[in-house]
Amino acid sequence: MEKNGTAMPTAAAGRDERSDSERRREVIMMAGQLFCRHGYERTTVRELARAVGLQSGSLFHHFRSKEEILVAVMNNGIQEVIDGGEQALARYNTPADRLAALFRVHMWSMLHGAGGDAMNALVYEWRSLSAPSRAIVKSLSDRYEEMWQEAVAAAVDAGLLKGDARVIKRCVLGAMNLTVQWYKPGGRLQPAKFIDAMLQASLPALPEGAGRWPA
């Protein structure tokens, strides 16, 4: 269909655009699982394409290279906690609630979202990235760490925590990332109770039930 000699977008084009976006996300999520299970180097493009029902060549309609897929897996997890963190911080005002909400967002992503596979890739596949790719991922990671730094510093200023804010931030993030690897779905603690227990163990000075997220 044309108007004044200019091609107008069709409904089919809109559907194709949405389909491309959904397919790209599907590839990222499946890649995260396969990289976690088999490792980045041992996961072939053919295996990944087959897992999402694509031909190997079609995969490069969505990504220019296998390395770009790895970057997308890492960035997808980081962006998820940035988005969730911004929403949580917009809801709460007190330092205790804001810090606890960030904690819950991070744990939820690690247990239920893209964070677990992204963290695995960041830890074990970092060496597979080129310098430019590392810079891209680090830039996004720095944004997330700054969000945490501000929340921890505010809790220190309010007297809720004692010590160097940067050290506390690293210890808390490290504790979450390490401990969640040992969590077994269907085990003694349900996810919500596990997150509560982790929060109380990592940041005992925060009031119980602080920063409930999702609220």
N, C-alpha and C. Protein backbone atom coordinates (compact mmCIF):
# COMPACT_ATOMS: atom_id res chain seq x y z
N MET A 1 0.85 -1.19 0.00
CA MET A 1 0.00 0.00 0.00
C MET A 1 0.88 1.24 0.00
N GLU A 2 0.52 2.24 -0.82
CA GLU A 2 1.31 3.46 -0.90
C GLU A 2 0.44 4.67 -0.62
N LYS A 3 1.07 5.69 -0.08
CA LYS A 3 0.40 6.97 0.15
C LYS A 3 1.35 8.05 -0.30
N ASN A 4 0.89 8.84 -1.29
CA ASN A 4 1.73 9.90 -1.87
C ASN A 4 3.05 9.32 -2.35
N GLY A 5 2.96 8.12 -2.96
CA GLY A 5 4.17 7.53 -3.54
C GLY A 5 5.09 6.89 -2.53
N THR A 6 4.73 6.87 -1.24
CA THR A 6 5.58 6.29 -0.20
C THR A 6 4.98 5.00 0.31
N ALA A 7 5.80 3.95 0.36
CA ALA A 7 5.32 2.66 0.84
C ALA A 7 4.95 2.76 2.31
N MET A 8 3.78 2.22 2.65
CA MET A 8 3.31 2.24 4.02
C MET A 8 3.58 0.89 4.67
N PRO A 9 3.92 0.86 5.95
CA PRO A 9 4.14 -0.41 6.62
C PRO A 9 2.86 -1.22 6.68
N THR A 10 2.97 -2.50 6.47
CA THR A 10 1.81 -3.38 6.50
C THR A 10 1.74 -4.09 7.83
N ALA A 11 0.57 -4.70 8.08
CA ALA A 11 0.41 -5.47 9.31
C ALA A 11 1.38 -6.63 9.34
N ALA A 12 1.63 -7.23 8.14
CA ALA A 12 2.56 -8.36 8.08
C ALA A 12 3.95 -7.93 8.49
N ALA A 13 4.34 -6.70 8.04
CA ALA A 13 5.67 -6.20 8.41
C ALA A 13 5.77 -6.03 9.91
N GLY A 14 4.69 -5.53 10.53
CA GLY A 14 4.70 -5.37 11.98
C GLY A 14 4.85 -6.69 12.68
N ARG A 15 4.16 -7.72 12.15
CA ARG A 15 4.26 -9.04 12.75
C ARG A 15 5.68 -9.59 12.61
N ASP A 16 6.28 -9.37 11.43
CA ASP A 16 7.64 -9.85 11.20
C ASP A 16 8.61 -9.19 12.17
N GLU A 17 8.43 -7.88 12.40
CA GLU A 17 9.32 -7.15 13.29
C GLU A 17 9.21 -7.70 14.71
N ARG A 18 8.00 -7.94 15.16
CA ARG A 18 7.81 -8.51 16.50
C ARG A 18 8.40 -9.91 16.56
N SER A 19 8.23 -10.65 15.47
CA SER A 19 8.74 -12.01 15.43
C SER A 19 10.26 -12.02 15.53
N ASP A 20 10.91 -11.08 14.85
CA ASP A 20 12.37 -10.99 14.91
C ASP A 20 12.83 -10.71 16.33
N SER A 21 12.14 -9.80 17.00
CA SER A 21 12.51 -9.46 18.37
C SER A 21 12.34 -10.65 19.30
N GLU A 22 11.22 -11.33 19.14
CA GLU A 22 10.96 -12.51 19.98
C GLU A 22 11.95 -13.62 19.68
N ARG A 23 12.25 -13.81 18.40
CA ARG A 23 13.21 -14.85 18.03
C ARG A 23 14.59 -14.55 18.57
N ARG A 24 14.99 -13.29 18.52
CA ARG A 24 16.29 -12.90 19.05
C ARG A 24 16.37 -13.22 20.55
N ARG A 25 15.31 -12.90 21.27
CA ARG A 25 15.30 -13.18 22.71
C ARG A 25 15.35 -14.69 22.95
N GLU A 26 14.64 -15.44 22.14
CA GLU A 26 14.64 -16.89 22.28
C GLU A 26 16.05 -17.45 22.10
N VAL A 27 16.77 -16.91 21.12
CA VAL A 27 18.15 -17.36 20.87
C VAL A 27 19.03 -17.03 22.08
N ILE A 28 18.88 -15.83 22.62
CA ILE A 28 19.70 -15.42 23.77
C ILE A 28 19.45 -16.33 24.97
N MET A 29 18.18 -16.59 25.26
CA MET A 29 17.85 -17.42 26.42
C MET A 29 18.35 -18.85 26.24
N MET A 30 18.17 -19.41 25.05
CA MET A 30 18.64 -20.77 24.79
C MET A 30 20.16 -20.83 24.81
N ALA A 31 20.82 -19.81 24.27
CA ALA A 31 22.27 -19.78 24.28
C ALA A 31 22.80 -19.76 25.70
N GLY A 32 22.15 -18.98 26.57
CA GLY A 32 22.57 -18.94 27.96
C GLY A 32 22.51 -20.31 28.61
N GLN A 33 21.44 -21.05 28.32
CA GLN A 33 21.30 -22.40 28.88
C GLN A 33 22.36 -23.35 28.34
N LEU A 34 22.59 -23.29 27.04
CA LEU A 34 23.56 -24.20 26.42
C LEU A 34 24.99 -23.86 26.85
N PHE A 35 25.32 -22.57 26.94
CA PHE A 35 26.66 -22.19 27.39
C PHE A 35 26.87 -22.64 28.83
N CYS A 36 25.83 -22.54 29.64
CA CYS A 36 25.93 -22.96 31.04
C CYS A 36 26.12 -24.48 31.13
N ARG A 37 25.42 -25.20 30.28
CA ARG A 37 25.43 -26.66 30.34
C ARG A 37 26.69 -27.26 29.72
N HIS A 38 27.10 -26.72 28.56
CA HIS A 38 28.19 -27.34 27.81
C HIS A 38 29.45 -26.47 27.69
N GLY A 39 29.33 -25.19 28.01
CA GLY A 39 30.44 -24.27 27.81
C GLY A 39 30.32 -23.57 26.47
N TYR A 40 30.82 -22.36 26.41
CA TYR A 40 30.72 -21.55 25.19
C TYR A 40 31.48 -22.18 24.03
N GLU A 41 32.71 -22.59 24.28
CA GLU A 41 33.55 -23.12 23.21
C GLU A 41 32.99 -24.42 22.64
N ARG A 42 32.38 -25.25 23.50
CA ARG A 42 31.88 -26.56 23.04
C ARG A 42 30.47 -26.49 22.45
N THR A 43 29.81 -25.36 22.60
CA THR A 43 28.48 -25.19 22.00
C THR A 43 28.65 -24.65 20.59
N THR A 44 28.19 -25.40 19.61
CA THR A 44 28.34 -24.97 18.22
C THR A 44 27.15 -24.13 17.77
N VAL A 45 27.37 -23.33 16.75
CA VAL A 45 26.29 -22.52 16.17
C VAL A 45 25.19 -23.43 15.65
N ARG A 46 25.59 -24.56 15.08
CA ARG A 46 24.59 -25.51 14.55
C ARG A 46 23.71 -26.04 15.67
N GLU A 47 24.30 -26.39 16.80
CA GLU A 47 23.52 -26.89 17.93
C GLU A 47 22.55 -25.83 18.46
N LEU A 48 23.03 -24.61 18.55
CA LEU A 48 22.18 -23.52 19.04
C LEU A 48 21.03 -23.27 18.07
N ALA A 49 21.34 -23.23 16.77
CA ALA A 49 20.31 -23.00 15.77
C ALA A 49 19.25 -24.10 15.80
N ARG A 50 19.71 -25.34 15.90
CA ARG A 50 18.77 -26.46 15.95
C ARG A 50 17.88 -26.38 17.18
N ALA A 51 18.44 -25.93 18.31
CA ALA A 51 17.67 -25.86 19.56
C ALA A 51 16.52 -24.86 19.48
N VAL A 52 16.67 -23.85 18.62
CA VAL A 52 15.60 -22.84 18.49
C VAL A 52 14.86 -22.97 17.17
N GLY A 53 15.12 -24.06 16.44
CA GLY A 53 14.39 -24.32 15.20
C GLY A 53 14.80 -23.46 14.03
N LEU A 54 16.08 -23.09 13.96
CA LEU A 54 16.58 -22.27 12.85
C LEU A 54 17.67 -23.03 12.09
N GLN A 55 17.90 -22.62 10.85
CA GLN A 55 19.07 -23.06 10.13
C GLN A 55 20.27 -22.27 10.64
N SER A 56 21.47 -22.86 10.54
CA SER A 56 22.66 -22.18 11.05
C SER A 56 22.83 -20.80 10.44
N GLY A 57 22.60 -20.69 9.13
CA GLY A 57 22.76 -19.41 8.46
C GLY A 57 21.74 -18.39 8.93
N SER A 58 20.53 -18.86 9.27
CA SER A 58 19.48 -17.95 9.72
C SER A 58 19.81 -17.30 11.05
N LEU A 59 20.63 -17.98 11.84
CA LEU A 59 21.01 -17.43 13.14
C LEU A 59 21.72 -16.09 12.97
N PHE A 60 22.46 -15.95 11.88
CA PHE A 60 23.24 -14.73 11.67
C PHE A 60 22.42 -13.61 11.05
N HIS A 61 21.11 -13.88 10.89
CA HIS A 61 20.20 -12.78 10.58
C HIS A 61 19.97 -11.94 11.84
N HIS A 62 20.11 -12.60 13.00
CA HIS A 62 19.88 -11.94 14.28
C HIS A 62 21.17 -11.50 14.96
N PHE A 63 22.27 -12.19 14.70
CA PHE A 63 23.57 -11.89 15.33
C PHE A 63 24.67 -12.00 14.28
N ARG A 64 25.65 -11.12 14.39
CA ARG A 64 26.74 -11.12 13.42
C ARG A 64 27.76 -12.22 13.67
N SER A 65 27.85 -12.70 14.91
CA SER A 65 28.85 -13.71 15.25
C SER A 65 28.45 -14.45 16.51
N LYS A 66 29.12 -15.56 16.75
CA LYS A 66 28.87 -16.31 17.98
C LYS A 66 29.27 -15.48 19.20
N GLU A 67 30.33 -14.71 19.08
CA GLU A 67 30.75 -13.86 20.20
C GLU A 67 29.68 -12.83 20.54
N GLU A 68 29.01 -12.30 19.54
CA GLU A 68 27.95 -11.33 19.80
C GLU A 68 26.81 -11.98 20.58
N ILE A 69 26.57 -13.26 20.36
CA ILE A 69 25.56 -13.97 21.13
C ILE A 69 25.99 -14.07 22.59
N LEU A 70 27.26 -14.36 22.83
CA LEU A 70 27.77 -14.44 24.20
C LEU A 70 27.64 -13.10 24.91
N VAL A 71 27.97 -12.02 24.23
CA VAL A 71 27.80 -10.69 24.80
C VAL A 71 26.33 -10.44 25.13
N ALA A 72 25.44 -10.86 24.25
CA ALA A 72 24.01 -10.67 24.48
C ALA A 72 23.53 -11.44 25.69
N VAL A 73 24.05 -12.65 25.90
CA VAL A 73 23.69 -13.45 27.07
C VAL A 73 24.09 -12.71 28.34
N MET A 74 25.32 -12.20 28.37
CA MET A 74 25.80 -11.47 29.55
C MET A 74 24.99 -10.20 29.77
N ASN A 75 24.84 -9.42 28.72
CA ASN A 75 24.14 -8.14 28.86
C ASN A 75 22.66 -8.31 29.17
N ASN A 76 22.06 -9.38 28.70
CA ASN A 76 20.65 -9.62 28.97
C ASN A 76 20.41 -9.79 30.47
N GLY A 77 21.29 -10.54 31.12
CA GLY A 77 21.16 -10.73 32.56
C GLY A 77 21.41 -9.45 33.34
N ILE A 78 22.43 -8.69 32.91
CA ILE A 78 22.73 -7.43 33.61
C ILE A 78 21.60 -6.43 33.42
N GLN A 79 21.09 -6.34 32.20
CA GLN A 79 20.02 -5.38 31.93
C GLN A 79 18.76 -5.73 32.71
N GLU A 80 18.52 -7.03 32.89
CA GLU A 80 17.34 -7.46 33.65
C GLU A 80 17.38 -6.93 35.07
N VAL A 81 18.55 -7.03 35.74
CA VAL A 81 18.62 -6.55 37.12
C VAL A 81 18.69 -5.02 37.18
N ILE A 82 19.21 -4.39 36.15
CA ILE A 82 19.17 -2.92 36.11
C ILE A 82 17.72 -2.45 36.02
N ASP A 83 16.97 -3.04 35.10
CA ASP A 83 15.57 -2.64 34.94
C ASP A 83 14.76 -2.92 36.20
N GLY A 84 14.94 -4.12 36.76
CA GLY A 84 14.23 -4.45 37.99
C GLY A 84 14.65 -3.57 39.15
N GLY A 85 15.95 -3.27 39.22
CA GLY A 85 16.46 -2.42 40.28
C GLY A 85 15.90 -1.01 40.19
N GLU A 86 15.82 -0.46 39.00
CA GLU A 86 15.28 0.89 38.83
C GLU A 86 13.81 0.94 39.25
N GLN A 87 13.05 -0.10 38.90
CA GLN A 87 11.64 -0.14 39.30
C GLN A 87 11.51 -0.22 40.82
N ALA A 88 12.36 -1.06 41.43
CA ALA A 88 12.30 -1.22 42.89
C ALA A 88 12.69 0.06 43.61
N LEU A 89 13.74 0.70 43.13
CA LEU A 89 14.20 1.94 43.77
C LEU A 89 13.17 3.05 43.62
N ALA A 90 12.41 3.03 42.54
CA ALA A 90 11.38 4.05 42.34
C ALA A 90 10.23 3.87 43.32
N ARG A 91 10.06 2.66 43.84
CA ARG A 91 8.97 2.39 44.77
C ARG A 91 9.32 2.76 46.20
N TYR A 92 10.59 2.59 46.60
CA TYR A 92 10.98 2.75 48.00
C TYR A 92 11.82 4.00 48.21
N ASN A 93 11.73 4.54 49.44
CA ASN A 93 12.47 5.75 49.79
C ASN A 93 13.53 5.53 50.86
N THR A 94 13.28 4.66 51.82
CA THR A 94 14.23 4.50 52.93
C THR A 94 15.42 3.66 52.51
N PRO A 95 16.61 3.93 53.06
CA PRO A 95 17.81 3.16 52.71
C PRO A 95 17.64 1.66 52.93
N ALA A 96 16.96 1.26 54.01
CA ALA A 96 16.78 -0.17 54.29
C ALA A 96 15.94 -0.84 53.21
N ASP A 97 14.82 -0.21 52.84
CA ASP A 97 13.95 -0.79 51.82
C ASP A 97 14.63 -0.83 50.46
N ARG A 98 15.35 0.23 50.13
CA ARG A 98 15.98 0.30 48.82
C ARG A 98 17.07 -0.77 48.67
N LEU A 99 17.86 -0.95 49.72
CA LEU A 99 18.92 -1.95 49.65
C LEU A 99 18.32 -3.36 49.63
N ALA A 100 17.33 -3.60 50.46
CA ALA A 100 16.70 -4.92 50.48
C ALA A 100 16.01 -5.23 49.15
N ALA A 101 15.40 -4.22 48.55
CA ALA A 101 14.73 -4.42 47.27
C ALA A 101 15.73 -4.79 46.18
N LEU A 102 16.88 -4.12 46.17
CA LEU A 102 17.93 -4.47 45.21
C LEU A 102 18.37 -5.91 45.41
N PHE A 103 18.53 -6.31 46.66
CA PHE A 103 18.92 -7.68 46.99
C PHE A 103 17.91 -8.67 46.41
N ARG A 104 16.64 -8.39 46.63
CA ARG A 104 15.59 -9.30 46.16
C ARG A 104 15.54 -9.36 44.64
N VAL A 105 15.72 -8.23 43.98
CA VAL A 105 15.73 -8.20 42.51
C VAL A 105 16.86 -9.09 41.98
N HIS A 106 18.04 -8.94 42.58
CA HIS A 106 19.20 -9.71 42.13
C HIS A 106 18.95 -11.21 42.33
N MET A 107 18.47 -11.58 43.51
CA MET A 107 18.23 -12.99 43.79
C MET A 107 17.14 -13.56 42.89
N TRP A 108 16.08 -12.80 42.66
CA TRP A 108 15.01 -13.27 41.79
C TRP A 108 15.55 -13.54 40.39
N SER A 109 16.38 -12.65 39.88
CA SER A 109 16.94 -12.84 38.54
C SER A 109 17.83 -14.07 38.48
N MET A 110 18.61 -14.29 39.53
CA MET A 110 19.49 -15.45 39.57
C MET A 110 18.71 -16.76 39.62
N LEU A 111 17.57 -16.76 40.34
CA LEU A 111 16.80 -17.99 40.52
C LEU A 111 15.78 -18.22 39.41
N HIS A 112 15.17 -17.14 38.92
CA HIS A 112 14.05 -17.28 37.99
C HIS A 112 14.29 -16.65 36.62
N GLY A 113 15.19 -15.71 36.53
CA GLY A 113 15.34 -14.95 35.29
C GLY A 113 16.58 -15.29 34.51
N ALA A 114 17.13 -14.26 33.86
CA ALA A 114 18.30 -14.44 33.01
C ALA A 114 19.61 -14.33 33.77
N GLY A 115 19.54 -13.95 35.05
CA GLY A 115 20.75 -13.68 35.81
C GLY A 115 21.65 -14.87 36.04
N GLY A 116 21.06 -16.06 36.25
CA GLY A 116 21.88 -17.23 36.53
C GLY A 116 22.78 -17.60 35.38
N ASP A 117 22.22 -17.70 34.17
CA ASP A 117 23.01 -18.04 33.00
C ASP A 117 24.00 -16.93 32.65
N ALA A 118 23.57 -15.69 32.86
CA ALA A 118 24.46 -14.56 32.59
C ALA A 118 25.66 -14.58 33.52
N MET A 119 25.43 -14.85 34.81
CA MET A 119 26.52 -14.90 35.76
C MET A 119 27.48 -16.03 35.43
N ASN A 120 26.94 -17.18 35.05
CA ASN A 120 27.80 -18.30 34.67
C ASN A 120 28.70 -17.91 33.49
N ALA A 121 28.11 -17.22 32.52
CA ALA A 121 28.89 -16.79 31.36
C ALA A 121 29.95 -15.76 31.75
N LEU A 122 29.58 -14.83 32.63
CA LEU A 122 30.54 -13.80 33.07
C LEU A 122 31.72 -14.42 33.79
N VAL A 123 31.46 -15.44 34.60
CA VAL A 123 32.52 -16.06 35.39
C VAL A 123 33.40 -16.97 34.53
N TYR A 124 32.77 -17.82 33.72
CA TYR A 124 33.52 -18.87 33.04
C TYR A 124 33.88 -18.58 31.59
N GLU A 125 33.20 -17.62 30.97
CA GLU A 125 33.44 -17.38 29.54
C GLU A 125 34.03 -16.00 29.24
N TRP A 126 34.38 -15.26 30.27
CA TRP A 126 34.93 -13.91 30.08
C TRP A 126 36.15 -13.93 29.17
N ARG A 127 36.97 -14.98 29.32
CA ARG A 127 38.21 -15.07 28.55
C ARG A 127 37.95 -15.22 27.05
N SER A 128 36.75 -15.62 26.68
CA SER A 128 36.42 -15.83 25.28
C SER A 128 36.04 -14.54 24.56
N LEU A 129 35.91 -13.45 25.32
CA LEU A 129 35.53 -12.17 24.73
C LEU A 129 36.75 -11.40 24.25
N SER A 130 36.59 -10.71 23.15
CA SER A 130 37.62 -9.78 22.68
C SER A 130 37.60 -8.53 23.56
N ALA A 131 38.64 -7.73 23.46
CA ALA A 131 38.73 -6.51 24.26
C ALA A 131 37.53 -5.57 24.01
N PRO A 132 37.13 -5.33 22.76
CA PRO A 132 35.96 -4.46 22.54
C PRO A 132 34.68 -5.02 23.17
N SER A 133 34.50 -6.33 23.10
CA SER A 133 33.31 -6.95 23.69
C SER A 133 33.34 -6.83 25.21
N ARG A 134 34.52 -7.01 25.80
CA ARG A 134 34.64 -6.87 27.25
C ARG A 134 34.26 -5.45 27.68
N ALA A 135 34.67 -4.47 26.89
CA ALA A 135 34.36 -3.08 27.23
C ALA A 135 32.86 -2.83 27.21
N ILE A 136 32.16 -3.45 26.27
CA ILE A 136 30.71 -3.28 26.17
C ILE A 136 30.02 -3.84 27.41
N VAL A 137 30.42 -5.06 27.79
CA VAL A 137 29.81 -5.71 28.95
C VAL A 137 30.16 -4.96 30.23
N LYS A 138 31.41 -4.54 30.34
CA LYS A 138 31.86 -3.85 31.56
C LYS A 138 31.11 -2.53 31.75
N SER A 139 30.83 -1.85 30.66
CA SER A 139 30.11 -0.58 30.76
C SER A 139 28.73 -0.78 31.39
N LEU A 140 28.04 -1.83 30.98
CA LEU A 140 26.72 -2.11 31.54
C LEU A 140 26.85 -2.61 32.98
N SER A 141 27.84 -3.45 33.23
CA SER A 141 28.07 -3.95 34.58
C SER A 141 28.39 -2.82 35.56
N ASP A 142 29.16 -1.84 35.09
CA ASP A 142 29.50 -0.70 35.94
C ASP A 142 28.26 0.09 36.34
N ARG A 143 27.30 0.20 35.43
CA ARG A 143 26.04 0.89 35.74
C ARG A 143 25.32 0.18 36.88
N TYR A 144 25.29 -1.14 36.82
CA TYR A 144 24.61 -1.90 37.86
C TYR A 144 25.34 -1.80 39.19
N GLU A 145 26.65 -1.89 39.17
CA GLU A 145 27.42 -1.79 40.41
C GLU A 145 27.28 -0.41 41.04
N GLU A 146 27.16 0.63 40.22
CA GLU A 146 26.97 1.97 40.75
C GLU A 146 25.63 2.09 41.46
N MET A 147 24.62 1.43 40.94
CA MET A 147 23.32 1.41 41.60
C MET A 147 23.45 0.79 42.99
N TRP A 148 24.18 -0.30 43.09
CA TRP A 148 24.41 -0.95 44.37
C TRP A 148 25.27 -0.08 45.28
N GLN A 149 26.28 0.55 44.71
CA GLN A 149 27.17 1.38 45.52
C GLN A 149 26.41 2.49 46.22
N GLU A 150 25.53 3.13 45.48
CA GLU A 150 24.74 4.22 46.06
C GLU A 150 23.81 3.71 47.16
N ALA A 151 23.21 2.54 46.96
CA ALA A 151 22.29 2.00 47.96
C ALA A 151 23.03 1.58 49.23
N VAL A 152 24.18 0.95 49.07
CA VAL A 152 24.97 0.53 50.24
C VAL A 152 25.50 1.75 50.99
N ALA A 153 26.00 2.75 50.24
CA ALA A 153 26.53 3.95 50.88
C ALA A 153 25.44 4.66 51.69
N ALA A 154 24.21 4.70 51.16
CA ALA A 154 23.11 5.33 51.88
C ALA A 154 22.79 4.56 53.17
N ALA A 155 22.89 3.24 53.11
CA ALA A 155 22.64 2.42 54.31
C ALA A 155 23.73 2.64 55.35
N VAL A 156 24.97 2.82 54.90
CA VAL A 156 26.07 3.11 55.82
C VAL A 156 25.86 4.48 56.46
N ASP A 157 25.50 5.46 55.66
CA ASP A 157 25.27 6.82 56.18
C ASP A 157 24.13 6.84 57.20
N ALA A 158 23.14 5.95 57.00
CA ALA A 158 21.99 5.91 57.91
C ALA A 158 22.28 5.09 59.17
N GLY A 159 23.48 4.54 59.25
CA GLY A 159 23.86 3.76 60.43
C GLY A 159 23.37 2.33 60.42
N LEU A 160 22.81 1.88 59.30
CA LEU A 160 22.32 0.50 59.21
C LEU A 160 23.47 -0.49 59.04
N LEU A 161 24.52 -0.05 58.37
CA LEU A 161 25.68 -0.89 58.12
C LEU A 161 26.93 -0.15 58.58
N LYS A 162 27.96 -0.91 58.93
CA LYS A 162 29.22 -0.32 59.34
C LYS A 162 30.34 -0.87 58.48
N GLY A 163 31.20 0.03 58.02
CA GLY A 163 32.34 -0.39 57.21
C GLY A 163 32.42 0.37 55.92
N ASP A 164 33.35 -0.06 55.08
CA ASP A 164 33.56 0.56 53.77
C ASP A 164 32.46 0.10 52.82
N ALA A 165 31.75 1.05 52.23
CA ALA A 165 30.61 0.71 51.36
C ALA A 165 31.02 -0.15 50.18
N ARG A 166 32.20 0.11 49.62
CA ARG A 166 32.64 -0.67 48.45
C ARG A 166 32.94 -2.11 48.84
N VAL A 167 33.53 -2.31 50.00
CA VAL A 167 33.81 -3.67 50.47
C VAL A 167 32.50 -4.41 50.75
N ILE A 168 31.57 -3.73 51.41
CA ILE A 168 30.27 -4.35 51.72
C ILE A 168 29.56 -4.75 50.42
N LYS A 169 29.57 -3.84 49.45
CA LYS A 169 28.91 -4.13 48.18
C LYS A 169 29.48 -5.38 47.54
N ARG A 170 30.80 -5.48 47.48
CA ARG A 170 31.44 -6.63 46.85
C ARG A 170 31.14 -7.91 47.61
N CYS A 171 31.16 -7.84 48.93
CA CYS A 171 30.89 -9.03 49.76
C CYS A 171 29.46 -9.52 49.56
N VAL A 172 28.50 -8.59 49.54
CA VAL A 172 27.10 -8.98 49.40
C VAL A 172 26.83 -9.55 48.02
N LEU A 173 27.30 -8.88 46.98
CA LEU A 173 27.10 -9.40 45.62
C LEU A 173 27.78 -10.75 45.46
N GLY A 174 28.99 -10.87 45.99
CA GLY A 174 29.71 -12.13 45.89
C GLY A 174 29.00 -13.25 46.62
N ALA A 175 28.47 -12.95 47.81
CA ALA A 175 27.75 -13.96 48.59
C ALA A 175 26.52 -14.45 47.85
N MET A 176 25.77 -13.53 47.24
CA MET A 176 24.58 -13.93 46.49
C MET A 176 24.95 -14.81 45.30
N ASN A 177 25.93 -14.38 44.54
CA ASN A 177 26.31 -15.11 43.33
C ASN A 177 26.86 -16.49 43.64
N LEU A 178 27.58 -16.61 44.75
CA LEU A 178 28.15 -17.90 45.12
C LEU A 178 27.09 -18.83 45.70
N THR A 179 26.31 -18.33 46.64
CA THR A 179 25.36 -19.18 47.34
C THR A 179 24.26 -19.70 46.43
N VAL A 180 23.80 -18.88 45.50
CA VAL A 180 22.68 -19.29 44.66
C VAL A 180 23.05 -20.47 43.78
N GLN A 181 24.35 -20.71 43.55
CA GLN A 181 24.77 -21.84 42.74
C GLN A 181 24.43 -23.17 43.41
N TRP A 182 24.29 -23.13 44.73
CA TRP A 182 24.02 -24.35 45.47
C TRP A 182 22.54 -24.55 45.75
N TYR A 183 21.71 -23.60 45.30
CA TYR A 183 20.28 -23.72 45.55
C TYR A 183 19.68 -24.80 44.65
N LYS A 184 18.87 -25.66 45.24
CA LYS A 184 18.22 -26.73 44.50
C LYS A 184 16.71 -26.49 44.45
N PRO A 185 16.16 -26.22 43.27
CA PRO A 185 14.70 -26.04 43.17
C PRO A 185 13.98 -27.27 43.72
N GLY A 186 12.94 -27.04 44.46
CA GLY A 186 12.20 -28.15 45.03
C GLY A 186 12.81 -28.68 46.31
N GLY A 187 13.80 -27.98 46.83
CA GLY A 187 14.45 -28.41 48.06
C GLY A 187 13.69 -27.97 49.30
N ARG A 188 14.39 -27.94 50.42
CA ARG A 188 13.75 -27.65 51.70
C ARG A 188 13.15 -26.25 51.74
N LEU A 189 13.83 -25.27 51.12
CA LEU A 189 13.34 -23.89 51.13
C LEU A 189 12.77 -23.52 49.77
N GLN A 190 11.58 -22.97 49.78
CA GLN A 190 11.01 -22.42 48.56
C GLN A 190 11.78 -21.15 48.20
N PRO A 191 11.75 -20.74 46.91
CA PRO A 191 12.56 -19.58 46.49
C PRO A 191 12.37 -18.34 47.35
N ALA A 192 11.12 -17.98 47.67
CA ALA A 192 10.87 -16.75 48.44
C ALA A 192 11.49 -16.85 49.83
N LYS A 193 11.36 -18.01 50.46
CA LYS A 193 11.94 -18.19 51.79
C LYS A 193 13.47 -18.24 51.72
N PHE A 194 13.98 -18.80 50.64
CA PHE A 194 15.43 -18.84 50.45
C PHE A 194 15.98 -17.43 50.33
N ILE A 195 15.31 -16.57 49.56
CA ILE A 195 15.74 -15.19 49.40
C ILE A 195 15.68 -14.46 50.74
N ASP A 196 14.60 -14.67 51.50
CA ASP A 196 14.50 -14.05 52.83
C ASP A 196 15.65 -14.49 53.73
N ALA A 197 15.93 -15.79 53.72
CA ALA A 197 17.01 -16.32 54.57
C ALA A 197 18.36 -15.75 54.17
N MET A 198 18.58 -15.63 52.86
CA MET A 198 19.83 -15.06 52.37
C MET A 198 19.97 -13.61 52.77
N LEU A 199 18.86 -12.87 52.68
CA LEU A 199 18.89 -11.46 53.04
C LEU A 199 19.22 -11.28 54.52
N GLN A 200 18.58 -12.08 55.37
CA GLN A 200 18.82 -11.97 56.81
C GLN A 200 20.25 -12.37 57.17
N ALA A 201 20.81 -13.34 56.43
CA ALA A 201 22.17 -13.78 56.71
C ALA A 201 23.20 -12.77 56.20
N SER A 202 22.92 -12.16 55.05
CA SER A 202 23.89 -11.25 54.44
C SER A 202 23.81 -9.83 55.00
N LEU A 203 22.59 -9.38 55.30
CA LEU A 203 22.39 -8.00 55.78
C LEU A 203 21.46 -8.03 57.00
N PRO A 204 21.93 -8.62 58.11
CA PRO A 204 21.07 -8.81 59.28
C PRO A 204 20.58 -7.51 59.91
N ALA A 205 21.25 -6.39 59.63
CA ALA A 205 20.83 -5.12 60.22
C ALA A 205 19.55 -4.57 59.60
N LEU A 206 19.17 -5.10 58.42
CA LEU A 206 17.96 -4.60 57.77
C LEU A 206 16.73 -5.23 58.40
N PRO A 207 15.66 -4.46 58.55
CA PRO A 207 14.44 -4.99 59.17
C PRO A 207 13.89 -6.17 58.38
N GLU A 208 13.34 -7.15 59.08
CA GLU A 208 12.75 -8.31 58.41
C GLU A 208 11.58 -7.85 57.54
N GLY A 209 11.56 -8.33 56.32
CA GLY A 209 10.50 -7.96 55.39
C GLY A 209 10.74 -6.66 54.65
N ALA A 210 11.91 -6.05 54.85
CA ALA A 210 12.22 -4.78 54.17
C ALA A 210 12.30 -4.97 52.67
N GLY A 211 11.89 -3.94 51.95
CA GLY A 211 12.04 -3.93 50.49
C GLY A 211 11.41 -5.10 49.79
N ARG A 212 10.24 -5.50 50.22
CA ARG A 212 9.57 -6.64 49.59
C ARG A 212 9.41 -6.39 48.10
N TRP A 213 9.92 -7.31 47.31
CA TRP A 213 9.84 -7.13 45.86
C TRP A 213 9.69 -8.46 45.18
N PRO A 214 8.72 -8.64 44.27
CA PRO A 214 7.70 -7.64 43.94
C PRO A 214 6.81 -7.36 45.15
N ALA A 215 6.43 -6.10 45.28
CA ALA A 215 5.67 -5.67 46.46
C ALA A 215 4.25 -6.21 46.41
